[in-house]
Amino acid sequence: MALPLPEETLLEMYWTMLLSRRLDERAWALHRQGKIAFHISAIGHEAAQVGAAYAIRRGYDWVAPYYRDLTLMLALGYTPREFMLNLMGKKGDPSSGGRQMPSHWSLKRANVISHSAPVATQTSHAAGIGLAIKLRGEDKVVITSVGEGSTSQGEWYEGVNWAAVHKLPVVFIIVNNLYAISVRQELQMAVANAADKALGLGLPGVSVDGMDFLTMYQVMKEAVDRARSGDGPTIVEARVYRITPHSSDDDDRSYRSREEVEQFKQRDPLLIARRTLEGEGVLTPQKHEALEQRAKELVDEAVRFGESAPYPDPEEAAYPVYAEDVQNA
């Protein structure tokens, strides 16, 4: 097959997926050990996220993520140390200084905006950023992601409609893992694909295999290029599967069978990426083993760093929530 990116970039994408998976697995272990209060997982979503990240100009374009976007954040420069600080509610957490729920991301240096727990609100934020980009005459793009259940929210329709009407440079990613927590897709929507909702809103909608990182990258690149050229927004539905429970507080055995989960594990995005790169001679067993060792060392070090980091001081609870030294013009 013709590879769409240089070999070193493909290896970097695979490395990001692998690191995300190992951090994610350690987070589950930390939760079960009682060392963290909550975790929400990206396992099964890695390919969709890394494909999206590498389709934009990272650090230049804008990103309005959702809570399952660990791989996307790592691709944007978020570090394992920062993830552990966030997970453990420690002082140096770049998202909120240790005061927000885990996985409620922001990263100022990478143009990642903060989002809130109510789902789909980042859709409206992304449309607003897109409008600002257009008014300023910039060539930037904003991407935003939600789960398929979030497309039942009013904010999602409002944000997408606004972007479509004004041809804003936004790519709306729907990460469809079949379950809005415990509610299957067919109880959330009457259309076969979430991307079909684009038909009533006046913009293109594309449904893609989000378990394949190269397929996701190519579809996202087309959507991003379209937005950057002034042709308006696109909905990209990445069809994936959430291999883990919804979160550390969820028992998914109550709404899906073990047979179903095992079936989808055969299409693990990490395995698909590894087989693809090995088949093209980009990844060897020796390189893979070296990456695994590097990931283990980084995860171990990040956990030690997070555990030794201080918690925020009580006085920091209101800072920087409220502005200081505001000059009234």
C-alpha atoms as a PDB file:
ATOM      1  CA  MET A   1       0.000   0.000   0.000  1.00  0.00           C
ATOM      2  CA  ALA A   2       1.080   3.616  -0.562  1.00  0.00           C
ATOM      3  CA  LEU A   3       1.821   5.093   2.852  1.00  0.00           C
ATOM      4  CA  PRO A   4       0.368   8.603   3.269  1.00  0.00           C
ATOM      5  CA  LEU A   5       3.074   9.836   5.653  1.00  0.00           C
ATOM      6  CA  PRO A   6       6.848   9.416   6.158  1.00  0.00           C
ATOM      7  CA  GLU A   7       7.920   6.305   8.064  1.00  0.00           C
ATOM      8  CA  GLU A   8       9.211   8.294  11.044  1.00  0.00           C
ATOM      9  CA  THR A   9       5.811  10.016  11.353  1.00  0.00           C
ATOM     10  CA  LEU A  10       3.983   6.674  11.224  1.00  0.00           C
ATOM     11  CA  LEU A  11       6.244   5.309  13.960  1.00  0.00           C
ATOM     12  CA  GLU A  12       5.572   8.431  16.026  1.00  0.00           C
ATOM     13  CA  MET A  13       1.833   7.902  15.638  1.00  0.00           C
ATOM     14  CA  TYR A  14       2.151   4.271  16.687  1.00  0.00           C
ATOM     15  CA  TRP A  15       4.296   5.286  19.655  1.00  0.00           C
ATOM     16  CA  THR A  16       1.640   7.772  20.770  1.00  0.00           C
ATOM     17  CA  MET A  17      -1.039   5.073  20.596  1.00  0.00           C
ATOM     18  CA  LEU A  18       1.135   2.634  22.544  1.00  0.00           C
ATOM     19  CA  LEU A  19       2.019   5.184  25.232  1.00  0.00           C
ATOM     20  CA  SER A  20      -1.648   6.121  25.590  1.00  0.00           C
ATOM     21  CA  ARG A  21      -2.611   2.473  26.026  1.00  0.00           C
ATOM     22  CA  ARG A  22       0.030   1.825  28.697  1.00  0.00           C
ATOM     23  CA  LEU A  23      -0.863   4.997  30.612  1.00  0.00           C
ATOM     24  CA  ASP A  24      -4.520   4.057  30.388  1.00  0.00           C
ATOM     25  CA  GLU A  25      -3.898   0.541  31.700  1.00  0.00           C
ATOM     26  CA  ARG A  26      -1.851   1.926  34.594  1.00  0.00           C
ATOM     27  CA  ALA A  27      -4.633   4.350  35.454  1.00  0.00           C
ATOM     28  CA  TRP A  28      -7.053   1.427  35.852  1.00  0.00           C
ATOM     29  CA  ALA A  29      -4.546  -0.290  38.144  1.00  0.00           C
ATOM     30  CA  LEU A  30      -4.091   2.878  40.210  1.00  0.00           C
ATOM     31  CA  HIS A  31      -7.841   3.153  40.622  1.00  0.00           C
ATOM     32  CA  ARG A  32      -8.176  -0.429  41.771  1.00  0.00           C
ATOM     33  CA  GLN A  33      -5.348   0.200  44.251  1.00  0.00           C
ATOM     34  CA  GLY A  34      -7.279   3.140  45.702  1.00  0.00           C
ATOM     35  CA  LYS A  35      -4.638   5.660  44.607  1.00  0.00           C
ATOM     36  CA  ILE A  36      -6.938   7.699  42.344  1.00  0.00           C
ATOM     37  CA  ALA A  37     -10.642   8.460  42.575  1.00  0.00           C
ATOM     38  CA  PHE A  38     -11.740   8.212  38.953  1.00  0.00           C
ATOM     39  CA  HIS A  39     -10.630   7.228  35.458  1.00  0.00           C
ATOM     40  CA  ILE A  40     -12.285   7.392  32.050  1.00  0.00           C
ATOM     41  CA  SER A  41     -10.623   5.358  29.365  1.00  0.00           C
ATOM     42  CA  ALA A  42      -9.415   5.823  25.777  1.00  0.00           C
ATOM     43  CA  ILE A  43      -8.785   2.123  25.138  1.00  0.00           C
ATOM     44  CA  GLY A  44     -10.233   1.325  21.718  1.00  0.00           C
ATOM     45  CA  HIS A  45     -10.257   4.988  20.645  1.00  0.00           C
ATOM     46  CA  GLU A  46      -6.526   5.506  20.096  1.00  0.00           C
ATOM     47  CA  ALA A  47      -6.461   5.221  16.294  1.00  0.00           C
ATOM     48  CA  ALA A  48      -9.274   7.722  15.756  1.00  0.00           C
ATOM     49  CA  GLN A  49      -7.588  10.243  18.012  1.00  0.00           C
ATOM     50  CA  VAL A  50      -4.067   9.973  16.626  1.00  0.00           C
ATOM     51  CA  GLY A  51      -5.417  10.139  13.073  1.00  0.00           C
ATOM     52  CA  ALA A  52      -7.218  13.370  13.923  1.00  0.00           C
ATOM     53  CA  ALA A  53      -4.204  14.889  15.675  1.00  0.00           C
ATOM     54  CA  TYR A  54      -1.823  14.358  12.778  1.00  0.00           C
ATOM     55  CA  ALA A  55      -4.266  15.825  10.266  1.00  0.00           C
ATOM     56  CA  ILE A  56      -4.009  19.294  11.825  1.00  0.00           C
ATOM     57  CA  ARG A  57      -1.141  21.712  12.396  1.00  0.00           C
ATOM     58  CA  ARG A  58      -0.497  20.830  15.996  1.00  0.00           C
ATOM     59  CA  GLY A  59       0.122  23.852  18.216  1.00  0.00           C
ATOM     60  CA  TYR A  60      -1.244  26.184  15.521  1.00  0.00           C
ATOM     61  CA  ASP A  61      -4.803  24.983  15.030  1.00  0.00           C
ATOM     62  CA  TRP A  62      -7.327  24.872  17.881  1.00  0.00           C
ATOM     63  CA  VAL A  63      -8.723  21.824  19.684  1.00  0.00           C
ATOM     64  CA  ALA A  64     -11.887  21.487  21.779  1.00  0.00           C
ATOM     65  CA  PRO A  65     -11.648  17.903  23.095  1.00  0.00           C
ATOM     66  CA  TYR A  66     -13.844  15.630  25.158  1.00  0.00           C
ATOM     67  CA  TYR A  67     -13.016  13.527  28.172  1.00  0.00           C
ATOM     68  CA  ARG A  68     -11.913  10.368  26.329  1.00  0.00           C
ATOM     69  CA  ASP A  69      -9.237  12.138  24.265  1.00  0.00           C
ATOM     70  CA  LEU A  70      -6.065  10.975  26.053  1.00  0.00           C
ATOM     71  CA  THR A  71      -4.330   9.867  22.842  1.00  0.00           C
ATOM     72  CA  LEU A  72      -5.215  13.133  21.130  1.00  0.00           C
ATOM     73  CA  MET A  73      -3.771  15.086  24.053  1.00  0.00           C
ATOM     74  CA  LEU A  74      -0.528  13.093  24.034  1.00  0.00           C
ATOM     75  CA  ALA A  75      -0.189  13.741  20.298  1.00  0.00           C
ATOM     76  CA  LEU A  76      -0.526  17.464  21.040  1.00  0.00           C
ATOM     77  CA  GLY A  77       2.362  17.383  23.500  1.00  0.00           C
ATOM     78  CA  TYR A  78       0.648  16.513  26.789  1.00  0.00           C
ATOM     79  CA  THR A  79       3.154  14.550  28.859  1.00  0.00           C
ATOM     80  CA  PRO A  80       2.785  11.387  30.981  1.00  0.00           C
ATOM     81  CA  ARG A  81       3.783  13.459  34.020  1.00  0.00           C
ATOM     82  CA  GLU A  82       1.014  15.950  33.321  1.00  0.00           C
ATOM     83  CA  PHE A  83      -1.484  13.135  32.897  1.00  0.00           C
ATOM     84  CA  MET A  84      -0.595  11.716  36.311  1.00  0.00           C
ATOM     85  CA  LEU A  85      -0.827  15.141  37.936  1.00  0.00           C
ATOM     86  CA  ASN A  86      -4.284  15.505  36.408  1.00  0.00           C
ATOM     87  CA  LEU A  87      -5.327  11.997  37.407  1.00  0.00           C
ATOM     88  CA  MET A  88      -4.170  12.476  40.998  1.00  0.00           C
ATOM     89  CA  GLY A  89      -5.445  16.040  41.414  1.00  0.00           C
ATOM     90  CA  LYS A  90      -1.992  17.467  42.054  1.00  0.00           C
ATOM     91  CA  LYS A  91      -0.792  21.047  42.016  1.00  0.00           C
ATOM     92  CA  GLY A  92       1.072  21.112  38.700  1.00  0.00           C
ATOM     93  CA  ASP A  93      -1.843  19.812  36.623  1.00  0.00           C
ATOM     94  CA  PRO A  94      -1.944  22.087  33.542  1.00  0.00           C
ATOM     95  CA  SER A  95      -5.690  21.645  33.044  1.00  0.00           C
ATOM     96  CA  SER A  96      -6.879  23.095  36.325  1.00  0.00           C
ATOM     97  CA  GLY A  97      -4.126  23.046  38.922  1.00  0.00           C
ATOM     98  CA  GLY A  98      -5.613  19.885  40.408  1.00  0.00           C
ATOM     99  CA  ARG A  99      -9.159  21.178  40.910  1.00  0.00           C
ATOM    100  CA  GLN A 100     -11.043  19.738  37.943  1.00  0.00           C
ATOM    101  CA  MET A 101     -12.180  16.147  37.355  1.00  0.00           C
ATOM    102  CA  PRO A 102      -9.581  13.948  35.633  1.00  0.00           C
ATOM    103  CA  SER A 103      -9.593  14.011  31.822  1.00  0.00           C
ATOM    104  CA  HIS A 104     -11.234  17.424  31.618  1.00  0.00           C
ATOM    105  CA  TRP A 105      -8.412  18.684  29.467  1.00  0.00           C
ATOM    106  CA  SER A 106      -6.918  22.004  28.565  1.00  0.00           C
ATOM    107  CA  LEU A 107      -3.392  22.825  27.418  1.00  0.00           C
ATOM    108  CA  LYS A 108      -2.734  26.459  26.686  1.00  0.00           C
ATOM    109  CA  ARG A 109       0.558  25.908  24.858  1.00  0.00           C
ATOM    110  CA  ALA A 110      -1.193  23.601  22.358  1.00  0.00           C
ATOM    111  CA  ASN A 111      -4.348  25.723  21.825  1.00  0.00           C
ATOM    112  CA  VAL A 112      -6.499  23.174  23.680  1.00  0.00           C
ATOM    113  CA  ILE A 113      -9.421  24.877  25.383  1.00  0.00           C
ATOM    114  CA  SER A 114     -10.938  23.789  28.676  1.00  0.00           C
ATOM    115  CA  HIS A 115     -14.227  21.946  28.622  1.00  0.00           C
ATOM    116  CA  SER A 116     -16.871  21.176  31.189  1.00  0.00           C
ATOM    117  CA  ALA A 117     -18.559  17.995  32.373  1.00  0.00           C
ATOM    118  CA  PRO A 118     -21.904  18.630  30.583  1.00  0.00           C
ATOM    119  CA  VAL A 119     -21.412  16.909  27.248  1.00  0.00           C
ATOM    120  CA  ALA A 120     -21.501  18.684  23.852  1.00  0.00           C
ATOM    121  CA  THR A 121     -20.856  22.186  25.215  1.00  0.00           C
ATOM    122  CA  GLN A 122     -17.433  22.186  23.498  1.00  0.00           C
ATOM    123  CA  THR A 123     -19.259  22.040  20.157  1.00  0.00           C
ATOM    124  CA  SER A 124     -20.552  25.578  20.649  1.00  0.00           C
ATOM    125  CA  HIS A 125     -17.121  26.694  21.859  1.00  0.00           C
ATOM    126  CA  ALA A 126     -15.545  25.293  18.691  1.00  0.00           C
ATOM    127  CA  ALA A 127     -18.058  27.119  16.500  1.00  0.00           C
ATOM    128  CA  GLY A 128     -17.263  30.343  18.338  1.00  0.00           C
ATOM    129  CA  ILE A 129     -13.546  29.862  17.807  1.00  0.00           C
ATOM    130  CA  GLY A 130     -14.230  29.106  14.152  1.00  0.00           C
ATOM    131  CA  LEU A 131     -16.141  32.375  13.822  1.00  0.00           C
ATOM    132  CA  ALA A 132     -13.240  34.287  15.385  1.00  0.00           C
ATOM    133  CA  ILE A 133     -10.801  32.637  12.969  1.00  0.00           C
ATOM    134  CA  LYS A 134     -12.970  33.671  10.007  1.00  0.00           C
ATOM    135  CA  LEU A 135     -13.438  37.251  11.223  1.00  0.00           C
ATOM    136  CA  ARG A 136      -9.681  37.610  11.722  1.00  0.00           C
ATOM    137  CA  GLY A 137      -8.911  36.228   8.295  1.00  0.00           C
ATOM    138  CA  GLU A 138      -6.657  33.492   9.690  1.00  0.00           C
ATOM    139  CA  ASP A 139      -6.006  30.148   8.029  1.00  0.00           C
ATOM    140  CA  LYS A 140      -6.429  28.163  11.235  1.00  0.00           C
ATOM    141  CA  VAL A 141      -8.828  25.288  11.818  1.00  0.00           C
ATOM    142  CA  VAL A 142     -10.560  24.026  14.953  1.00  0.00           C
ATOM    143  CA  ILE A 143     -11.419  20.394  15.601  1.00  0.00           C
ATOM    144  CA  THR A 144     -13.786  19.216  18.297  1.00  0.00           C
ATOM    145  CA  SER A 145     -14.913  15.768  19.387  1.00  0.00           C
ATOM    146  CA  VAL A 146     -17.900  14.238  21.136  1.00  0.00           C
ATOM    147  CA  GLY A 147     -19.301  10.775  21.673  1.00  0.00           C
ATOM    148  CA  GLU A 148     -22.288   9.753  19.559  1.00  0.00           C
ATOM    149  CA  GLY A 149     -24.619  10.151  22.546  1.00  0.00           C
ATOM    150  CA  SER A 150     -23.680  13.835  22.723  1.00  0.00           C
ATOM    151  CA  THR A 151     -25.235  14.408  19.312  1.00  0.00           C
ATOM    152  CA  SER A 152     -28.610  14.105  21.046  1.00  0.00           C
ATOM    153  CA  GLN A 153     -27.848  17.334  22.920  1.00  0.00           C
ATOM    154  CA  GLY A 154     -29.132  20.708  21.786  1.00  0.00           C
ATOM    155  CA  GLU A 155     -25.702  22.327  22.048  1.00  0.00           C
ATOM    156  CA  TRP A 156     -24.355  19.966  19.410  1.00  0.00           C
ATOM    157  CA  TYR A 157     -27.054  20.872  16.880  1.00  0.00           C
ATOM    158  CA  GLU A 158     -26.725  24.576  17.606  1.00  0.00           C
ATOM    159  CA  GLY A 159     -22.955  24.592  17.218  1.00  0.00           C
ATOM    160  CA  VAL A 160     -22.933  22.523  14.025  1.00  0.00           C
ATOM    161  CA  ASN A 161     -25.787  24.530  12.496  1.00  0.00           C
ATOM    162  CA  TRP A 162     -24.024  27.822  13.201  1.00  0.00           C
ATOM    163  CA  ALA A 163     -20.806  26.557  11.642  1.00  0.00           C
ATOM    164  CA  ALA A 164     -22.655  25.264   8.577  1.00  0.00           C
ATOM    165  CA  VAL A 165     -24.568  28.510   8.034  1.00  0.00           C
ATOM    166  CA  HIS A 166     -21.424  30.647   8.252  1.00  0.00           C
ATOM    167  CA  LYS A 167     -19.042  28.131   6.602  1.00  0.00           C
ATOM    168  CA  LEU A 168     -16.724  28.132   9.577  1.00  0.00           C
ATOM    169  CA  PRO A 169     -13.386  26.254   9.596  1.00  0.00           C
ATOM    170  CA  VAL A 170     -14.464  23.520  12.014  1.00  0.00           C
ATOM    171  CA  VAL A 171     -14.272  19.722  11.843  1.00  0.00           C
ATOM    172  CA  PHE A 172     -16.843  18.060  14.099  1.00  0.00           C
ATOM    173  CA  ILE A 173     -15.677  14.589  15.123  1.00  0.00           C
ATOM    174  CA  ILE A 174     -18.241  12.105  16.416  1.00  0.00           C
ATOM    175  CA  VAL A 175     -16.495   9.212  18.138  1.00  0.00           C
ATOM    176  CA  ASN A 176     -19.137   6.496  17.881  1.00  0.00           C
ATOM    177  CA  ASN A 177     -18.384   3.612  20.253  1.00  0.00           C
ATOM    178  CA  LEU A 178     -21.989   2.314  20.082  1.00  0.00           C
ATOM    179  CA  TYR A 179     -22.840   3.148  23.702  1.00  0.00           C
ATOM    180  CA  ALA A 180     -23.782   6.461  25.310  1.00  0.00           C
ATOM    181  CA  ILE A 181     -22.658   5.036  28.650  1.00  0.00           C
ATOM    182  CA  SER A 182     -25.138   2.124  28.705  1.00  0.00           C
ATOM    183  CA  VAL A 183     -27.544   3.164  25.942  1.00  0.00           C
ATOM    184  CA  ARG A 184     -26.959   1.651  22.504  1.00  0.00           C
ATOM    185  CA  GLN A 185     -26.887   3.765  19.372  1.00  0.00           C
ATOM    186  CA  GLU A 186     -30.282   2.642  18.051  1.00  0.00           C
ATOM    187  CA  LEU A 187     -31.941   4.061  21.184  1.00  0.00           C
ATOM    188  CA  GLN A 188     -30.147   7.384  20.676  1.00  0.00           C
ATOM    189  CA  MET A 189     -30.823   7.995  16.990  1.00  0.00           C
ATOM    190  CA  ALA A 190     -33.003   6.706  14.149  1.00  0.00           C
ATOM    191  CA  VAL A 191     -30.266   7.012  11.488  1.00  0.00           C
ATOM    192  CA  ALA A 192     -27.816   4.223  10.683  1.00  0.00           C
ATOM    193  CA  ASN A 193     -24.762   6.443  11.041  1.00  0.00           C
ATOM    194  CA  ALA A 194     -24.282   9.515  13.184  1.00  0.00           C
ATOM    195  CA  ALA A 195     -22.709  11.225  10.164  1.00  0.00           C
ATOM    196  CA  ASP A 196     -26.118  11.026   8.445  1.00  0.00           C
ATOM    197  CA  LYS A 197     -27.229  13.884  10.694  1.00  0.00           C
ATOM    198  CA  ALA A 198     -25.192  16.171   8.455  1.00  0.00           C
ATOM    199  CA  LEU A 199     -27.895  15.854   5.770  1.00  0.00           C
ATOM    200  CA  GLY A 200     -30.327  18.003   7.730  1.00  0.00           C
ATOM    201  CA  LEU A 201     -27.728  20.585   8.690  1.00  0.00           C
ATOM    202  CA  GLY A 202     -26.231  21.403   5.306  1.00  0.00           C
ATOM    203  CA  LEU A 203     -22.663  20.145   5.554  1.00  0.00           C
ATOM    204  CA  PRO A 204     -20.817  16.999   4.471  1.00  0.00           C
ATOM    205  CA  GLY A 205     -20.851  13.963   6.763  1.00  0.00           C
ATOM    206  CA  VAL A 206     -18.414  11.064   6.485  1.00  0.00           C
ATOM    207  CA  SER A 207     -18.492   7.778   8.418  1.00  0.00           C
ATOM    208  CA  VAL A 208     -15.078   6.138   8.751  1.00  0.00           C
ATOM    209  CA  ASP A 209     -13.450   3.091  10.354  1.00  0.00           C
ATOM    210  CA  GLY A 210     -11.976   4.752  13.422  1.00  0.00           C
ATOM    211  CA  MET A 211     -10.106   1.602  14.423  1.00  0.00           C
ATOM    212  CA  ASP A 212      -7.653   2.143  11.533  1.00  0.00           C
ATOM    213  CA  PHE A 213      -5.358   5.106  12.157  1.00  0.00           C
ATOM    214  CA  LEU A 214      -4.392   5.580   8.505  1.00  0.00           C
ATOM    215  CA  THR A 215      -7.996   5.579   7.296  1.00  0.00           C
ATOM    216  CA  MET A 216      -8.927   8.086   9.996  1.00  0.00           C
ATOM    217  CA  TYR A 217      -5.958  10.294   9.128  1.00  0.00           C
ATOM    218  CA  GLN A 218      -6.813  10.402   5.427  1.00  0.00           C
ATOM    219  CA  VAL A 219     -10.482  11.302   6.006  1.00  0.00           C
ATOM    220  CA  MET A 220      -9.566  13.903   8.615  1.00  0.00           C
ATOM    221  CA  LYS A 221      -6.905  15.433   6.359  1.00  0.00           C
ATOM    222  CA  GLU A 222      -9.505  15.983   3.638  1.00  0.00           C
ATOM    223  CA  ALA A 223     -11.907  17.573   6.121  1.00  0.00           C
ATOM    224  CA  VAL A 224      -9.201  19.793   7.628  1.00  0.00           C
ATOM    225  CA  ASP A 225      -7.961  20.900   4.210  1.00  0.00           C
ATOM    226  CA  ARG A 226     -11.536  21.702   3.214  1.00  0.00           C
ATOM    227  CA  ALA A 227     -12.035  23.815   6.327  1.00  0.00           C
ATOM    228  CA  ARG A 228      -8.715  25.614   5.908  1.00  0.00           C
ATOM    229  CA  SER A 229      -9.466  26.495   2.294  1.00  0.00           C
ATOM    230  CA  GLY A 230     -12.693  28.253   3.286  1.00  0.00           C
ATOM    231  CA  ASP A 231     -15.134  25.561   2.152  1.00  0.00           C
ATOM    232  CA  GLY A 232     -16.714  25.144   5.583  1.00  0.00           C
ATOM    233  CA  PRO A 233     -17.170  22.432   8.209  1.00  0.00           C
ATOM    234  CA  THR A 234     -17.429  18.651   7.978  1.00  0.00           C
ATOM    235  CA  ILE A 235     -18.798  15.989  10.307  1.00  0.00           C
ATOM    236  CA  VAL A 236     -16.458  12.996  10.622  1.00  0.00           C
ATOM    237  CA  GLU A 237     -17.920   9.985  12.400  1.00  0.00           C
ATOM    238  CA  ALA A 238     -15.196   7.642  13.671  1.00  0.00           C
ATOM    239  CA  ARG A 239     -16.726   4.220  14.292  1.00  0.00           C
ATOM    240  CA  VAL A 240     -14.823   2.630  17.164  1.00  0.00           C
ATOM    241  CA  TYR A 241     -15.522   0.416  20.160  1.00  0.00           C
ATOM    242  CA  ARG A 242     -15.042   1.135  23.836  1.00  0.00           C
ATOM    243  CA  ILE A 243     -13.215  -1.986  25.014  1.00  0.00           C
ATOM    244  CA  THR A 244     -13.348  -0.945  28.676  1.00  0.00           C
ATOM    245  CA  PRO A 245     -16.338   0.109  30.799  1.00  0.00           C
ATOM    246  CA  HIS A 246     -17.512   3.693  30.361  1.00  0.00           C
ATOM    247  CA  SER A 247     -15.490   4.730  33.393  1.00  0.00           C
ATOM    248  CA  SER A 248     -14.056   3.315  36.594  1.00  0.00           C
ATOM    249  CA  ASP A 249     -17.532   3.714  38.144  1.00  0.00           C
ATOM    250  CA  ASP A 250     -19.310   1.657  35.470  1.00  0.00           C
ATOM    251  CA  ASP A 251     -20.110  -2.058  35.336  1.00  0.00           C
ATOM    252  CA  ASP A 252     -20.589  -2.717  31.643  1.00  0.00           C
ATOM    253  CA  ARG A 253     -21.649  -6.328  32.241  1.00  0.00           C
ATOM    254  CA  SER A 254     -25.137  -4.981  32.949  1.00  0.00           C
ATOM    255  CA  TYR A 255     -25.707  -3.848  29.357  1.00  0.00           C
ATOM    256  CA  ARG A 256     -23.383  -5.761  26.993  1.00  0.00           C
ATOM    257  CA  SER A 257     -22.182  -9.335  26.741  1.00  0.00           C
ATOM    258  CA  ARG A 258     -18.619 -10.546  27.243  1.00  0.00           C
ATOM    259  CA  GLU A 259     -18.865 -12.213  23.839  1.00  0.00           C
ATOM    260  CA  GLU A 260     -19.471  -8.850  22.182  1.00  0.00           C
ATOM    261  CA  VAL A 261     -16.475  -7.273  23.904  1.00  0.00           C
ATOM    262  CA  GLU A 262     -14.209 -10.193  22.969  1.00  0.00           C
ATOM    263  CA  GLN A 263     -15.374  -9.973  19.378  1.00  0.00           C
ATOM    264  CA  PHE A 264     -14.396  -6.314  19.121  1.00  0.00           C
ATOM    265  CA  LYS A 265     -11.060  -6.948  20.822  1.00  0.00           C
ATOM    266  CA  GLN A 266     -10.082  -8.758  17.636  1.00  0.00           C
ATOM    267  CA  ARG A 267     -10.137  -5.321  15.985  1.00  0.00           C
ATOM    268  CA  ASP A 268      -8.047  -3.624  18.658  1.00  0.00           C
ATOM    269  CA  PRO A 269      -6.708  -0.449  16.967  1.00  0.00           C
ATOM    270  CA  LEU A 270      -3.252  -0.995  18.455  1.00  0.00           C
ATOM    271  CA  LEU A 271      -3.055  -4.467  16.898  1.00  0.00           C
ATOM    272  CA  ILE A 272      -4.309  -3.157  13.548  1.00  0.00           C
ATOM    273  CA  ALA A 273      -1.662  -0.418  13.540  1.00  0.00           C
ATOM    274  CA  ARG A 274       1.099  -2.817  14.524  1.00  0.00           C
ATOM    275  CA  ARG A 275       0.179  -5.326  11.816  1.00  0.00           C
ATOM    276  CA  THR A 276      -0.043  -2.585   9.198  1.00  0.00           C
ATOM    277  CA  LEU A 277       3.354  -1.121  10.040  1.00  0.00           C
ATOM    278  CA  GLU A 278       5.007  -4.525  10.347  1.00  0.00           C
ATOM    279  CA  GLY A 279       3.540  -5.522   6.995  1.00  0.00           C
ATOM    280  CA  GLU A 280       5.058  -2.416   5.399  1.00  0.00           C
ATOM    281  CA  GLY A 281       8.447  -2.975   7.053  1.00  0.00           C
ATOM    282  CA  VAL A 282       8.138   0.210   9.102  1.00  0.00           C
ATOM    283  CA  LEU A 283       7.962  -1.581  12.463  1.00  0.00           C
ATOM    284  CA  THR A 284      10.032  -4.595  13.459  1.00  0.00           C
ATOM    285  CA  PRO A 285       9.666  -6.832  16.543  1.00  0.00           C
ATOM    286  CA  GLN A 286      12.880  -5.318  17.886  1.00  0.00           C
ATOM    287  CA  LYS A 287      11.604  -1.749  17.450  1.00  0.00           C
ATOM    288  CA  HIS A 288       8.320  -2.709  19.043  1.00  0.00           C
ATOM    289  CA  GLU A 289      10.049  -4.222  22.080  1.00  0.00           C
ATOM    290  CA  ALA A 290      12.159  -1.073  22.466  1.00  0.00           C
ATOM    291  CA  LEU A 291       9.009   1.068  22.354  1.00  0.00           C
ATOM    292  CA  GLU A 292       7.332  -1.141  24.972  1.00  0.00           C
ATOM    293  CA  GLN A 293      10.331  -0.778  27.278  1.00  0.00           C
ATOM    294  CA  ARG A 294      10.407   2.970  26.777  1.00  0.00           C
ATOM    295  CA  ALA A 295       6.688   3.220  27.528  1.00  0.00           C
ATOM    296  CA  LYS A 296       7.065   1.191  30.728  1.00  0.00           C
ATOM    297  CA  GLU A 297       9.884   3.414  31.932  1.00  0.00           C
ATOM    298  CA  LEU A 298       7.979   6.608  31.158  1.00  0.00           C
ATOM    299  CA  VAL A 299       4.801   5.370  32.853  1.00  0.00           C
ATOM    300  CA  ASP A 300       6.692   4.200  35.946  1.00  0.00           C
ATOM    301  CA  GLU A 301       8.500   7.529  36.197  1.00  0.00           C
ATOM    302  CA  ALA A 302       5.288   9.517  35.694  1.00  0.00           C
ATOM    303  CA  VAL A 303       3.558   7.616  38.501  1.00  0.00           C
ATOM    304  CA  ARG A 304       6.466   8.270  40.866  1.00  0.00           C
ATOM    305  CA  PHE A 305       6.433  11.937  39.891  1.00  0.00           C
ATOM    306  CA  GLY A 306       2.682  12.242  40.393  1.00  0.00           C
ATOM    307  CA  GLU A 307       2.702  10.504  43.757  1.00  0.00           C
ATOM    308  CA  SER A 308       5.483  12.755  45.067  1.00  0.00           C
ATOM    309  CA  ALA A 309       3.911  15.996  43.784  1.00  0.00           C
ATOM    310  CA  PRO A 310       2.094  18.248  46.293  1.00  0.00           C
ATOM    311  CA  TYR A 311      -1.645  18.837  46.354  1.00  0.00           C
ATOM    312  CA  PRO A 312      -2.886  22.395  45.732  1.00  0.00           C
ATOM    313  CA  ASP A 313      -2.919  24.685  48.732  1.00  0.00           C
ATOM    314  CA  PRO A 314      -6.424  25.425  50.081  1.00  0.00           C
ATOM    315  CA  GLU A 315      -5.915  29.091  49.206  1.00  0.00           C
ATOM    316  CA  GLU A 316      -5.637  28.153  45.541  1.00  0.00           C
ATOM    317  CA  ALA A 317      -9.247  26.975  45.337  1.00  0.00           C
ATOM    318  CA  ALA A 318     -10.444  30.352  44.060  1.00  0.00           C
ATOM    319  CA  TYR A 319      -7.446  31.079  41.819  1.00  0.00           C
ATOM    320  CA  PRO A 320      -7.449  31.727  38.928  1.00  0.00           C
ATOM    321  CA  VAL A 321     -11.226  31.355  38.914  1.00  0.00           C
ATOM    322  CA  TYR A 322     -11.633  35.036  39.771  1.00  0.00           C
ATOM    323  CA  ALA A 323      -9.721  37.795  37.998  1.00  0.00           C
ATOM    324  CA  GLU A 324      -7.326  39.947  39.991  1.00  0.00           C
ATOM    325  CA  ASP A 325      -6.238  43.568  39.473  1.00  0.00           C
ATOM    326  CA  VAL A 326      -8.893  44.198  36.856  1.00  0.00           C
ATOM    327  CA  GLN A 327      -8.692  47.765  35.547  1.00  0.00           C
ATOM    328  CA  ASN A 328     -12.071  49.273  34.737  1.00  0.00           C
ATOM    329  CA  ALA A 329     -11.740  51.286  31.525  1.00  0.00           C
END
